[in-house]
Amino acid sequence: VQLQASGGGLVQAGASLRLSCAASRRTFSNNGVGWFRRAPGKEREFVAGIAWNGDSPMYSDSVKGRFTISRNRAENTVYLQMNGLKPEDTAVYYCAAARSAFASTTKNQYSYWGPGTQVTVSS
């Protein structure tokens, strides 16, 4: 599976962005999918995850209530709607396909990673 994240950009605090994660070469419709991010000087951290069937969305405490993960299995795409963006959300955002049908907060539970998309939030 090849994953490609898109939709990042430079926005002001309070704005919204929607990231997309599209799969190619083969479907990831039977895999859990997660979004992670890495801010400058920090470790890659879990942001959100979703099960193969769109159920069981998971969020880190830092984004809960502001971000929404969803997926369209027919389009082989997973989305991350980000509202109320803050400067501390600035990072490179990565999507990843899980080894199983369910998402995980743990990086090593993911087999395939996309190259990431930059999100920059100015104050």
Protein backbone atom coordinates (compact mmCIF):
# COMPACT_ATOMS: atom_id res chain seq x y z
CA VAL A 1 0.00 0.00 0.00
CA GLN A 2 1.22 3.47 -0.87
CA LEU A 3 -0.26 6.29 1.15
CA GLN A 4 -0.31 9.95 0.26
CA ALA A 5 -1.38 12.62 2.70
CA SER A 6 -2.48 16.00 1.39
CA GLY A 7 -4.33 19.11 2.47
CA GLY A 8 -1.76 20.74 4.69
CA GLY A 9 -0.93 24.40 4.56
CA LEU A 10 -0.29 27.62 6.41
CA VAL A 11 -3.27 28.98 8.34
CA GLN A 12 -3.98 31.34 11.20
CA ALA A 13 -5.00 30.20 14.64
CA GLY A 14 -8.67 29.28 14.77
CA ALA A 15 -8.83 28.20 11.14
CA SER A 16 -9.71 24.79 9.76
CA LEU A 17 -8.02 22.35 7.44
CA ARG A 18 -9.01 18.96 6.12
CA LEU A 19 -6.29 16.44 5.51
CA SER A 20 -6.79 13.53 3.17
CA CYS A 21 -4.99 10.21 3.07
CA ALA A 22 -5.38 8.30 -0.16
CA ALA A 23 -4.15 4.79 -0.77
CA SER A 24 -2.82 3.48 -4.04
CA ARG A 25 -1.47 0.17 -5.35
CA ARG A 26 -4.00 -1.60 -3.20
CA THR A 27 -6.87 -0.81 -0.93
CA PHE A 28 -6.53 -0.22 2.78
CA SER A 29 -10.26 -0.58 3.34
CA ASN A 30 -9.72 -3.55 5.66
CA ASN A 31 -7.09 -1.80 7.77
CA GLY A 32 -7.33 0.55 10.65
CA VAL A 33 -5.83 3.93 9.80
CA GLY A 34 -4.12 6.44 12.02
CA TRP A 35 -2.93 10.00 11.81
CA PHE A 36 0.28 10.95 13.57
CA ARG A 37 2.23 14.16 13.69
CA ARG A 38 5.77 15.27 14.42
CA ALA A 39 6.44 18.76 15.58
CA PRO A 40 9.96 20.22 15.32
CA GLY A 41 12.21 18.71 17.96
CA LYS A 42 9.57 16.27 19.17
CA GLU A 43 8.74 12.62 18.72
CA ARG A 44 6.07 11.47 16.32
CA GLU A 45 2.80 11.28 18.26
CA PHE A 46 -0.59 9.75 17.73
CA VAL A 47 -3.36 12.15 16.74
CA ALA A 48 -6.37 10.11 15.65
CA GLY A 49 -7.32 6.66 14.42
CA ILE A 50 -10.25 4.84 12.91
CA ALA A 51 -11.21 1.21 12.42
CA TRP A 52 -11.63 -0.48 9.06
CA ASN A 53 -15.38 0.09 9.02
CA GLY A 54 -15.30 3.69 10.19
CA ASP A 55 -16.17 2.84 13.77
CA SER A 56 -14.24 3.37 16.97
CA PRO A 57 -12.64 6.74 16.29
CA MET A 58 -9.79 7.50 18.68
CA TYR A 59 -8.21 10.85 19.49
CA SER A 60 -5.37 12.15 21.53
CA ASP A 61 -6.40 14.39 24.39
CA SER A 62 -4.78 17.37 22.71
CA VAL A 63 -7.09 17.25 19.69
CA LYS A 64 -10.26 15.73 21.13
CA GLY A 65 -13.25 17.92 20.39
CA ARG A 66 -11.44 19.81 17.61
CA PHE A 67 -10.41 17.11 15.13
CA THR A 68 -12.61 14.51 13.47
CA ILE A 69 -11.40 11.45 11.63
CA SER A 70 -13.55 9.73 9.01
CA ARG A 71 -13.16 7.45 6.07
CA ASN A 72 -14.77 6.72 2.74
CA ARG A 73 -14.07 3.10 1.97
CA ALA A 74 -15.43 3.36 -1.55
CA GLU A 75 -12.93 6.12 -2.29
CA ASN A 76 -10.15 4.42 -0.34
CA THR A 77 -9.55 7.65 1.53
CA VAL A 78 -9.34 8.71 5.17
CA TYR A 79 -9.88 12.29 6.27
CA LEU A 80 -8.85 14.37 9.23
CA GLN A 81 -10.98 17.44 9.73
CA MET A 82 -9.10 19.90 11.91
CA ASN A 83 -11.03 22.79 13.42
CA GLY A 84 -9.93 25.42 15.87
CA LEU A 85 -6.30 25.02 14.94
CA LYS A 86 -3.70 26.23 17.39
CA PRO A 87 -0.03 27.09 16.92
CA GLU A 88 0.86 23.94 18.87
CA ASP A 89 -0.78 21.88 16.13
CA THR A 90 2.05 22.88 13.82
CA ALA A 91 3.71 19.68 12.63
CA VAL A 92 4.16 17.32 9.75
CA TYR A 93 1.12 15.07 9.67
CA TYR A 94 1.39 11.46 8.58
CA CYS A 95 -1.21 8.85 7.84
CA ALA A 96 -0.53 5.19 8.35
CA ALA A 97 -2.27 1.88 7.71
CA ALA A 98 -2.45 -0.44 10.69
CA ARG A 99 -1.40 -4.08 10.70
CA SER A 100 -4.91 -4.98 11.82
CA ALA A 101 -8.47 -3.88 11.17
CA PHE A 102 -8.27 -1.47 14.08
CA ALA A 103 -6.30 1.64 14.81
CA SER A 104 -3.78 1.90 17.60
CA THR A 105 -2.03 4.71 19.40
CA THR A 106 1.27 2.85 19.00
CA LYS A 107 3.49 3.57 15.98
CA ASN A 108 4.80 0.03 15.67
CA GLN A 109 1.29 -1.26 15.03
CA TYR A 110 1.35 0.39 11.62
CA SER A 111 2.83 -1.18 8.52
CA TYR A 112 2.58 1.53 5.90
CA TRP A 113 3.30 5.23 6.17
CA GLY A 114 2.82 8.12 3.82
CA PRO A 115 5.40 10.89 3.39
CA GLY A 116 3.49 13.49 5.40
CA THR A 117 1.99 16.91 4.84
CA GLN A 118 3.05 20.10 6.60
CA VAL A 119 0.55 22.00 8.74
CA THR A 120 1.65 25.37 10.04
CA VAL A 121 -0.57 27.44 12.31
CA SER A 122 0.42 31.03 12.96
CA SER A 123 -0.67 32.94 16.03
